[in-house]
Amino acid sequence: MASGTNLHTVESQARAAARAQAATKAVFPILLSISFCHLLNDTVQSLIPAIYPLLKTSFHLNYGQVGRIALTLQLTASLLQPVVGLYTDRRPQPYSLAVGMGITMVGLLAFAMAPTYLTILAAAAFVGLGSAVFHPESSRVARMASGGQHGMAQSVFQVGGNAGSAIGPLLAFIFIKGQANIAWFSVLALLAIALLMNIGAWFRKNRALHAKTVVDPEHLVSLGSLHPHAALSNRQIGQSLAILIALMFSKFFYLASVMSYYTFYLMNKFQITIQNAQLHLFLFLGAVAAGTFIGGPVGDRVGRKLVIWCSILGVLPFTLVLPYANLVWTSILSVVIGLILASAFSAILVYAQELMPGRIGAVSGLFFGVAFGMGGVGAAILGRLADRTSIDFVYHVCAYLPAIGILTAFLPDLGPVKVREPKPATA
C-alpha cells in the first residue's frame, strides 16, 4: 500500500514538473503576444492626439477645447482602471481583454463619423473606457507570463504600448487625410480582438498554475508584507505610494505637454508643416518606446529606486534647455528626454507591485489610471494655459516638473527582488 502511495506521489510530482515546464515554454509567446496587442491598442489610441490639428481645423476648436478631448479620453480611463483592477483581483475575467478592445473599436468608429464636438467627446469617452478595461488585466497577464522576471515582463509589455504610441502619429501622417479615414484603423482593433481571445483562453487554462509563482518570503518579510513588525509599516507603504504618485505626476504632466501640444509647438515656433511636426512627434515617441524597455530589466538587476532616480531627476537638465533650442537641437533633446523619462514607468509600477504583492490588478489599475489621468488633466490645464499665454510659455513652465524627482530620496531601497518559481511537492 505504501509503495502504491509513493508511486502515486512520484507520478504527481512528474505531472507537476511537466506542467511547470509547459508553463515556462508558454511564457515568451504569451508575453510577446500581449505586448503586440498593447502595441495595437496604443496605436489606435495615439491616433487621437495625432489628429487634434485636423479636428481643431474641421470643428474650429481652440486649445482649451482640444484639451477637453484629451481630458475626456484620459479621465475616463483613469477613473475606471483602479475599479476594474480591484474587481478582477477578486474575479479575474480572461475575456475582458477582448471586450475592452471591442469598446475601443466602437469609439474609433465614432470618431470617424462624429458630426459635432459633443459626439467627439463621446467617442473619446468610449476609447478611454476600452483602455480602462484593457490595461489592468493585460498587465496581470504580463506578470503571469514573466517567469519571475517581473521588471523585464513589464518592460516588454510597456514597450509594445509605447511602440504603438510612436507608430500612431506616423500612420496618421501617411493615411489620415480626412476624418473618415480614421475608420480604416478599426481593422487593427479587430486583429487585436482575435489575438486577445486566444490570450483569454490561455489565461483561463493557466491561471491557477501561474498564480503559484511567488516572491521570496524573506524578501516579503523585509518589505513588511508578512507581519506587522517587519521593516516597512503600513504608514511607510502608504507614504511610498504617495511619493510614487507624485513622481507619476511629474512624468505624465510633462509627457502631456509633448503628446498633446508638441506638433503645435513646432509649427508655431519653427513654422514647419503639420506633416513634419508629426514626424518629429514620431521620433519622440519612438525614443519613449526604446526607453521603456530599459527601465524594467535594469531595475531587476540594480533595484527600482536607482532607475527612478536617474529617470525622473536625471532628465531635468535637458527639459530646462529644450525651450531655448533651435529645431535640430529640439529634435535631439526630445529624443534624449524620451529615452530617459520613459524608463521610469516600469520601475515605478513594479516597485508599487512589490509594496502590495497581493493586489496586482488594483495596483496596475491605479498606476495606469494615474498615468492616464495625469495626462488628461495635464492636457486640459496646459491647453488653457496656452490659450491665455502661448505654447512657448507652456514648455518653459513644464521644464521644471522633473525637479519633483528629488522625492525619490524618501523611498525605501527595496533592492532587486528574489523570485522563486513553483516546485513540485516533495514526498
Protein backbone atom coordinates (compact mmCIF):
# COMPACT_ATOMS: atom_id res chain seq x y z
CA MET A 1 0.00 0.00 0.00
CA ALA A 2 2.85 2.35 0.91
CA SER A 3 4.63 1.58 -2.35
CA GLY A 4 1.45 2.41 -4.25
CA THR A 5 1.20 5.71 -2.39
CA ASN A 6 4.84 6.51 -3.18
CA LEU A 7 4.28 5.63 -6.84
CA HIS A 8 1.23 7.95 -6.90
CA THR A 9 3.33 10.71 -5.29
CA VAL A 10 6.11 10.30 -7.86
CA GLU A 11 3.57 10.41 -10.70
CA SER A 12 2.01 13.57 -9.19
CA GLN A 13 5.44 15.17 -8.97
CA ALA A 14 6.17 14.26 -12.57
CA ARG A 15 2.88 15.74 -13.74
CA ALA A 16 3.53 18.92 -11.72
CA ALA A 17 7.02 19.20 -13.21
CA ALA A 18 5.62 18.71 -16.71
CA ARG A 19 3.00 21.40 -16.12
CA ALA A 20 5.65 23.81 -14.81
CA GLN A 21 7.87 23.10 -17.82
CA ALA A 22 4.95 23.64 -20.20
CA ALA A 23 4.13 26.91 -18.47
CA THR A 24 7.74 28.05 -18.83
CA LYS A 25 7.61 27.35 -22.57
CA ALA A 26 4.43 29.41 -22.81
CA VAL A 27 5.98 32.49 -21.15
CA PHE A 28 7.51 34.28 -24.11
CA PRO A 29 4.87 33.52 -26.75
CA ILE A 30 2.16 34.90 -24.46
CA LEU A 31 4.31 37.80 -23.26
CA LEU A 32 5.14 38.83 -26.82
CA SER A 33 1.52 38.36 -27.86
CA ILE A 34 0.14 40.59 -25.08
CA SER A 35 2.85 43.14 -25.87
CA PHE A 36 1.79 43.14 -29.54
CA CYS A 37 -1.84 43.62 -28.50
CA HIS A 38 -0.68 46.52 -26.34
CA LEU A 39 1.00 47.90 -29.46
CA LEU A 40 -2.24 47.63 -31.44
CA ASN A 41 -4.28 49.15 -28.61
CA ASP A 42 -1.99 52.15 -28.15
CA THR A 43 -1.56 52.62 -31.91
CA VAL A 44 -5.30 53.14 -32.11
CA GLN A 45 -5.31 55.41 -29.06
CA SER A 46 -2.36 57.52 -30.24
CA LEU A 47 -4.18 58.31 -33.47
CA ILE A 48 -6.43 60.62 -31.45
CA PRO A 49 -3.74 63.14 -30.32
CA ALA A 50 -2.20 62.95 -33.80
CA ILE A 51 -5.45 64.17 -35.39
CA TYR A 52 -6.00 67.04 -32.94
CA PRO A 53 -4.82 69.60 -35.54
CA LEU A 54 -7.28 68.08 -38.06
CA LEU A 55 -10.14 68.22 -35.55
CA LYS A 56 -9.16 71.74 -34.49
CA THR A 57 -9.47 72.95 -38.09
CA SER A 58 -12.58 70.94 -39.01
CA PHE A 59 -14.59 71.91 -35.92
CA HIS A 60 -13.00 75.36 -35.35
CA LEU A 61 -11.75 74.47 -31.86
CA ASN A 62 -9.49 76.45 -29.55
CA TYR A 63 -6.67 74.90 -27.48
CA GLY A 64 -8.93 74.59 -24.44
CA GLN A 65 -11.45 72.50 -26.41
CA VAL A 66 -8.65 70.30 -27.72
CA GLY A 67 -7.51 69.84 -24.13
CA ARG A 68 -11.03 68.77 -23.12
CA ILE A 69 -10.96 65.99 -25.73
CA ALA A 70 -7.75 64.72 -24.16
CA LEU A 71 -9.22 65.15 -20.67
CA THR A 72 -12.31 63.11 -21.57
CA LEU A 73 -10.20 60.34 -23.08
CA GLN A 74 -7.70 60.14 -20.25
CA LEU A 75 -10.01 60.84 -17.31
CA THR A 76 -12.47 58.12 -18.37
CA ALA A 77 -9.61 55.64 -18.41
CA SER A 78 -8.03 56.88 -15.19
CA LEU A 79 -11.16 56.76 -13.05
CA LEU A 80 -12.25 53.29 -14.14
CA GLN A 81 -8.91 51.43 -14.28
CA PRO A 82 -8.44 51.06 -10.50
CA VAL A 83 -12.06 49.88 -10.20
CA VAL A 84 -11.56 47.30 -12.95
CA GLY A 85 -8.27 46.17 -11.40
CA LEU A 86 -9.78 45.79 -7.93
CA TYR A 87 -12.70 43.79 -9.33
CA THR A 88 -10.51 41.45 -11.39
CA ASP A 89 -8.19 40.82 -8.42
CA ARG A 90 -11.18 39.06 -6.86
CA ARG A 91 -12.83 37.75 -10.02
CA PRO A 92 -10.35 37.51 -12.92
CA GLN A 93 -12.05 37.91 -16.29
CA PRO A 94 -9.92 36.24 -19.01
CA TYR A 95 -12.02 37.51 -21.92
CA SER A 96 -12.41 41.08 -20.66
CA LEU A 97 -9.35 41.97 -22.74
CA ALA A 98 -11.23 41.30 -25.98
CA VAL A 99 -14.30 43.14 -24.65
CA GLY A 100 -12.19 46.19 -23.85
CA MET A 101 -10.73 46.22 -27.33
CA GLY A 102 -14.24 45.98 -28.80
CA ILE A 103 -15.25 49.10 -26.85
CA THR A 104 -12.18 50.90 -28.17
CA MET A 105 -13.17 49.95 -31.73
CA VAL A 106 -16.64 51.45 -31.19
CA GLY A 107 -15.01 54.69 -30.04
CA LEU A 108 -12.70 54.72 -33.05
CA LEU A 109 -15.62 54.36 -35.48
CA ALA A 110 -17.47 57.10 -33.59
CA PHE A 111 -14.51 59.43 -34.14
CA ALA A 112 -14.63 58.72 -37.87
CA MET A 113 -18.34 59.56 -38.13
CA ALA A 114 -18.71 62.28 -35.45
CA PRO A 115 -20.74 65.24 -36.78
CA THR A 116 -20.37 67.51 -33.73
CA TYR A 117 -17.92 68.39 -30.97
CA LEU A 118 -20.10 66.65 -28.34
CA THR A 119 -20.01 63.45 -30.41
CA ILE A 120 -16.23 63.69 -30.47
CA LEU A 121 -16.20 63.90 -26.67
CA ALA A 122 -18.46 60.81 -26.51
CA ALA A 123 -16.10 58.94 -28.86
CA ALA A 124 -13.15 59.91 -26.65
CA ALA A 125 -15.04 58.52 -23.63
CA PHE A 126 -15.54 55.15 -25.40
CA VAL A 127 -11.84 54.90 -26.25
CA GLY A 128 -11.00 55.73 -22.63
CA LEU A 129 -13.42 53.09 -21.35
CA GLY A 130 -11.86 50.47 -23.62
CA SER A 131 -8.44 51.37 -22.25
CA ALA A 132 -9.72 51.09 -18.66
CA VAL A 133 -10.83 47.52 -19.30
CA PHE A 134 -7.72 46.52 -21.27
CA HIS A 135 -4.77 47.72 -19.19
CA PRO A 136 -5.18 46.21 -15.68
CA GLU A 137 -5.88 42.68 -16.88
CA SER A 138 -3.24 42.78 -19.63
CA SER A 139 -0.68 43.86 -17.02
CA ARG A 140 -1.71 40.83 -14.95
CA VAL A 141 -1.17 38.57 -17.99
CA ALA A 142 2.31 40.06 -18.46
CA ARG A 143 3.17 39.31 -14.83
CA MET A 144 1.77 35.76 -15.11
CA ALA A 145 3.97 35.19 -18.17
CA SER A 146 7.07 36.76 -16.59
CA GLY A 147 8.74 33.59 -15.35
CA GLY A 148 9.63 35.60 -12.23
CA GLN A 149 11.37 38.43 -14.14
CA HIS A 150 8.68 40.98 -13.36
CA GLY A 151 10.60 44.09 -14.42
CA MET A 152 11.58 42.54 -17.73
CA ALA A 153 7.99 41.41 -18.37
CA GLN A 154 6.54 44.84 -17.63
CA SER A 155 9.12 46.46 -19.90
CA VAL A 156 8.30 44.09 -22.76
CA PHE A 157 4.61 44.79 -22.18
CA GLN A 158 5.14 48.55 -21.92
CA VAL A 159 7.43 48.77 -24.93
CA GLY A 160 4.62 47.34 -27.03
CA GLY A 161 2.33 50.13 -25.90
CA ASN A 162 4.91 52.85 -26.37
CA ALA A 163 5.87 51.49 -29.80
CA GLY A 164 2.19 51.71 -30.70
CA SER A 165 2.08 55.29 -29.40
CA ALA A 166 5.01 56.10 -31.68
CA ILE A 167 3.54 54.35 -34.72
CA GLY A 168 0.14 56.04 -34.40
CA PRO A 169 1.26 59.55 -35.44
CA LEU A 170 3.31 58.09 -38.31
CA LEU A 171 0.28 56.16 -39.61
CA ALA A 172 -1.84 59.30 -39.18
CA PHE A 173 0.71 61.21 -41.26
CA ILE A 174 0.58 58.59 -44.04
CA PHE A 175 -3.08 57.57 -44.13
CA ILE A 176 -5.34 60.10 -42.44
CA LYS A 177 -6.20 62.90 -44.87
CA GLY A 178 -9.70 63.41 -43.50
CA GLN A 179 -11.85 62.46 -40.53
CA ALA A 180 -13.49 59.48 -42.27
CA ASN A 181 -10.09 57.80 -42.83
CA ILE A 182 -9.93 57.00 -39.11
CA ALA A 183 -12.42 54.16 -39.65
CA TRP A 184 -9.84 52.08 -41.55
CA PHE A 185 -7.90 51.59 -38.32
CA SER A 186 -10.73 49.51 -36.89
CA VAL A 187 -9.00 46.64 -38.73
CA LEU A 188 -6.19 46.87 -36.15
CA ALA A 189 -8.74 46.60 -33.35
CA LEU A 190 -10.29 43.51 -34.98
CA LEU A 191 -6.86 41.86 -35.20
CA ALA A 192 -6.26 42.62 -31.53
CA ILE A 193 -9.65 41.14 -30.56
CA ALA A 194 -8.76 37.87 -32.32
CA LEU A 195 -5.40 37.66 -30.51
CA LEU A 196 -6.91 38.59 -27.17
CA MET A 197 -9.49 35.81 -27.43
CA ASN A 198 -6.58 33.36 -27.71
CA ILE A 199 -4.78 35.01 -24.78
CA GLY A 200 -8.01 34.83 -22.78
CA ALA A 201 -8.20 31.08 -23.40
CA TRP A 202 -4.57 30.68 -22.22
CA PHE A 203 -5.27 32.85 -19.19
CA ARG A 204 -8.26 30.73 -18.23
CA LYS A 205 -6.34 27.49 -18.65
CA ASN A 206 -3.14 28.53 -16.86
CA ARG A 207 -4.36 30.98 -14.22
CA ALA A 208 -4.12 28.55 -11.29
CA LEU A 209 -0.62 27.34 -12.17
CA HIS A 210 0.86 30.80 -12.71
CA ALA A 211 -0.71 32.12 -9.52
CA LYS A 212 1.77 29.84 -7.70
CA THR A 213 4.75 31.93 -8.81
CA VAL A 214 5.62 33.79 -5.62
CA VAL A 215 8.06 36.36 -4.29
CA ASP A 216 10.69 35.01 -1.93
CA PRO A 217 9.17 35.01 1.61
CA GLU A 218 12.31 36.50 3.18
CA HIS A 219 12.03 39.41 0.78
CA LEU A 220 8.35 39.91 1.64
CA VAL A 221 9.26 39.98 5.32
CA SER A 222 11.80 42.71 4.57
CA LEU A 223 9.05 44.68 2.85
CA GLY A 224 6.64 44.38 5.77
CA SER A 225 4.16 42.27 3.79
CA LEU A 226 4.02 39.20 6.03
CA HIS A 227 3.75 40.51 9.58
CA PRO A 228 3.16 43.81 11.35
CA HIS A 229 6.66 44.03 12.86
CA ALA A 230 8.56 43.94 9.55
CA ALA A 231 10.76 46.74 8.24
CA LEU A 232 8.03 48.72 6.49
CA SER A 233 4.86 49.72 8.32
CA ASN A 234 1.54 50.34 6.60
CA ARG A 235 2.17 54.05 7.03
CA GLN A 236 5.55 53.79 5.27
CA ILE A 237 3.96 51.80 2.45
CA GLY A 238 1.26 54.47 2.12
CA GLN A 239 3.87 57.25 2.06
CA SER A 240 5.87 55.37 -0.57
CA LEU A 241 2.78 55.00 -2.76
CA ALA A 242 2.10 58.75 -2.38
CA ILE A 243 5.65 59.54 -3.48
CA LEU A 244 5.32 57.23 -6.47
CA ILE A 245 2.11 59.00 -7.50
CA ALA A 246 3.89 62.39 -7.19
CA LEU A 247 6.62 61.06 -9.47
CA MET A 248 3.96 59.87 -11.90
CA PHE A 249 2.52 63.39 -11.85
CA SER A 250 5.91 64.81 -12.80
CA LYS A 251 6.42 62.31 -15.61
CA PHE A 252 2.99 62.33 -17.19
CA PHE A 253 2.26 66.02 -16.79
CA TYR A 254 5.44 66.68 -18.75
CA LEU A 255 4.58 64.00 -21.30
CA ALA A 256 1.16 65.65 -21.74
CA SER A 257 2.89 68.81 -22.92
CA VAL A 258 4.61 66.79 -25.63
CA MET A 259 1.91 64.28 -26.54
CA SER A 260 -0.86 66.84 -26.98
CA TYR A 261 0.97 70.03 -27.98
CA TYR A 262 4.37 69.16 -29.44
CA THR A 263 3.08 69.43 -33.01
CA PHE A 264 1.57 72.86 -32.25
CA TYR A 265 4.79 73.94 -30.52
CA LEU A 266 6.94 73.02 -33.52
CA MET A 267 4.54 74.53 -36.04
CA ASN A 268 4.28 77.76 -34.06
CA LYS A 269 7.97 78.21 -33.20
CA PHE A 270 9.64 76.91 -36.36
CA GLN A 271 6.87 77.36 -38.96
CA ILE A 272 7.03 73.75 -40.18
CA THR A 273 4.13 71.83 -41.76
CA ILE A 274 1.81 69.57 -39.79
CA GLN A 275 3.28 66.53 -41.56
CA ASN A 276 6.82 67.44 -40.48
CA ALA A 277 5.61 68.13 -36.96
CA GLN A 278 4.00 64.66 -36.83
CA LEU A 279 7.31 63.12 -37.93
CA HIS A 280 9.08 64.89 -35.04
CA LEU A 281 6.40 63.55 -32.67
CA PHE A 282 7.05 60.07 -34.07
CA LEU A 283 10.77 60.44 -33.27
CA PHE A 284 9.98 61.47 -29.69
CA LEU A 285 7.51 58.61 -29.17
CA GLY A 286 9.97 56.15 -30.71
CA ALA A 287 12.53 57.26 -28.12
CA VAL A 288 9.88 56.76 -25.41
CA ALA A 289 9.30 53.21 -26.64
CA ALA A 290 13.03 52.45 -26.59
CA GLY A 291 13.48 53.98 -23.15
CA THR A 292 10.61 51.99 -21.72
CA PHE A 293 12.37 48.70 -22.37
CA ILE A 294 15.46 49.81 -20.43
CA GLY A 295 13.88 50.50 -17.05
CA GLY A 296 12.47 47.06 -16.24
CA PRO A 297 15.48 44.76 -16.85
CA VAL A 298 17.88 47.27 -15.28
CA GLY A 299 15.59 47.53 -12.26
CA ASP A 300 15.60 43.73 -11.94
CA ARG A 301 19.38 43.87 -11.65
CA VAL A 302 20.18 47.04 -9.67
CA GLY A 303 16.88 47.87 -7.95
CA ARG A 304 13.95 50.10 -8.92
CA LYS A 305 14.95 53.11 -6.83
CA LEU A 306 18.14 53.80 -8.77
CA VAL A 307 16.27 53.61 -12.07
CA ILE A 308 13.63 56.05 -10.76
CA TRP A 309 16.35 58.44 -9.59
CA CYS A 310 18.09 58.51 -12.95
CA SER A 311 14.89 58.65 -14.98
CA ILE A 312 12.93 61.45 -13.29
CA LEU A 313 15.57 63.79 -11.86
CA GLY A 314 18.15 62.91 -14.50
CA VAL A 315 16.05 64.39 -17.31
CA LEU A 316 15.86 67.87 -15.67
CA PRO A 317 18.90 69.46 -17.40
CA PHE A 318 17.53 68.51 -20.83
CA THR A 319 14.00 69.81 -20.20
CA LEU A 320 15.43 73.12 -18.98
CA VAL A 321 17.44 73.57 -22.20
CA LEU A 322 14.70 72.48 -24.62
CA PRO A 323 12.73 75.79 -24.81
CA TYR A 324 15.86 77.64 -25.93
CA ALA A 325 16.98 75.17 -28.64
CA ASN A 326 16.73 75.50 -32.42
CA LEU A 327 14.83 72.92 -34.50
CA VAL A 328 17.74 70.48 -34.84
CA TRP A 329 18.59 70.56 -31.15
CA THR A 330 14.91 70.43 -30.23
CA SER A 331 14.68 67.12 -32.10
CA ILE A 332 17.83 65.77 -30.44
CA LEU A 333 16.81 66.89 -26.96
CA SER A 334 13.31 65.48 -27.35
CA VAL A 335 14.79 62.07 -28.20
CA VAL A 336 17.10 62.20 -25.16
CA ILE A 337 14.20 63.27 -22.91
CA GLY A 338 12.01 60.47 -24.25
CA LEU A 339 14.70 57.84 -23.68
CA ILE A 340 15.46 58.88 -20.10
CA LEU A 341 11.98 59.76 -18.87
CA ALA A 342 10.29 56.64 -20.26
CA SER A 343 12.47 54.25 -18.28
CA ALA A 344 10.68 55.25 -15.07
CA PHE A 345 7.23 53.73 -15.59
CA SER A 346 8.10 50.03 -15.50
CA ALA A 347 10.31 50.62 -12.45
CA ILE A 348 7.59 52.61 -10.65
CA LEU A 349 4.87 50.07 -11.45
CA VAL A 350 6.85 47.01 -10.35
CA TYR A 351 8.07 48.88 -7.23
CA ALA A 352 4.42 49.52 -6.32
CA GLN A 353 3.51 45.88 -7.01
CA GLU A 354 6.30 44.81 -4.65
CA LEU A 355 4.88 47.08 -1.95
CA MET A 356 1.46 45.41 -2.33
CA PRO A 357 2.19 41.91 -3.73
CA GLY A 358 -1.37 40.61 -3.31
CA ARG A 359 -3.03 43.44 -5.24
CA ILE A 360 -1.57 43.20 -8.74
CA GLY A 361 -4.74 44.21 -10.60
CA ALA A 362 -5.61 47.06 -8.23
CA VAL A 363 -2.05 48.44 -8.23
CA SER A 364 -1.78 48.15 -12.01
CA GLY A 365 -5.18 49.78 -12.46
CA LEU A 366 -4.29 52.58 -10.03
CA PHE A 367 -1.00 53.44 -11.69
CA PHE A 368 -2.26 53.10 -15.25
CA GLY A 369 -5.20 55.20 -14.11
CA VAL A 370 -2.91 57.84 -12.61
CA ALA A 371 -0.88 57.83 -15.83
CA PHE A 372 -3.96 58.41 -17.97
CA GLY A 373 -5.49 60.85 -15.50
CA MET A 374 -2.38 62.98 -15.17
CA GLY A 375 -2.05 63.03 -18.94
CA GLY A 376 -5.65 64.13 -19.37
CA VAL A 377 -5.67 66.74 -16.62
CA GLY A 378 -2.29 67.98 -17.82
CA ALA A 379 -3.54 68.34 -21.39
CA ALA A 380 -6.61 70.30 -20.26
CA ILE A 381 -4.70 72.63 -17.92
CA LEU A 382 -1.88 73.20 -20.37
CA GLY A 383 -4.40 73.90 -23.15
CA ARG A 384 -6.00 76.63 -21.04
CA LEU A 385 -2.56 77.99 -20.17
CA ALA A 386 -1.61 78.07 -23.86
CA ASP A 387 -4.80 79.99 -24.71
CA ARG A 388 -4.02 82.58 -22.03
CA THR A 389 -0.28 82.84 -22.76
CA SER A 390 1.44 80.87 -25.52
CA ILE A 391 2.62 77.38 -26.38
CA ASP A 392 6.23 78.51 -25.81
CA PHE A 393 5.37 79.57 -22.25
CA VAL A 394 3.88 76.12 -21.56
CA TYR A 395 7.22 74.49 -22.35
CA HIS A 396 9.10 76.94 -20.13
CA VAL A 397 6.82 76.07 -17.19
CA CYS A 398 6.86 72.30 -17.75
CA ALA A 399 10.66 72.26 -17.91
CA TYR A 400 10.79 72.35 -14.08
CA LEU A 401 8.47 69.39 -13.48
CA PRO A 402 11.24 66.73 -13.32
CA ALA A 403 12.61 68.50 -10.23
CA ILE A 404 9.89 66.61 -8.31
CA GLY A 405 12.18 63.60 -8.78
CA ILE A 406 14.04 64.70 -5.63
CA LEU A 407 11.26 62.95 -3.67
CA THR A 408 12.85 59.65 -4.72
CA ALA A 409 15.27 60.18 -1.80
CA PHE A 410 12.43 59.32 0.61
CA LEU A 411 11.64 55.93 -0.98
CA PRO A 412 12.95 52.83 0.85
CA ASP A 413 15.52 50.88 -1.13
CA LEU A 414 13.85 47.54 -1.85
CA GLY A 415 16.74 46.21 -3.90
CA PRO A 416 16.44 43.59 -6.62
CA VAL A 417 13.59 41.16 -5.94
CA LYS A 418 14.29 37.47 -5.36
CA VAL A 419 11.70 35.30 -7.05
CA ARG A 420 11.30 31.55 -6.95
CA GLU A 421 9.28 29.51 -9.39
CA PRO A 422 6.75 26.82 -8.40
CA LYS A 423 8.33 23.50 -7.43
CA PRO A 424 6.75 20.04 -7.41
CA ALA A 425 5.70 18.89 -3.96
CA THR A 426 8.10 16.62 -2.12
CA ALA A 427 7.14 13.33 -0.55
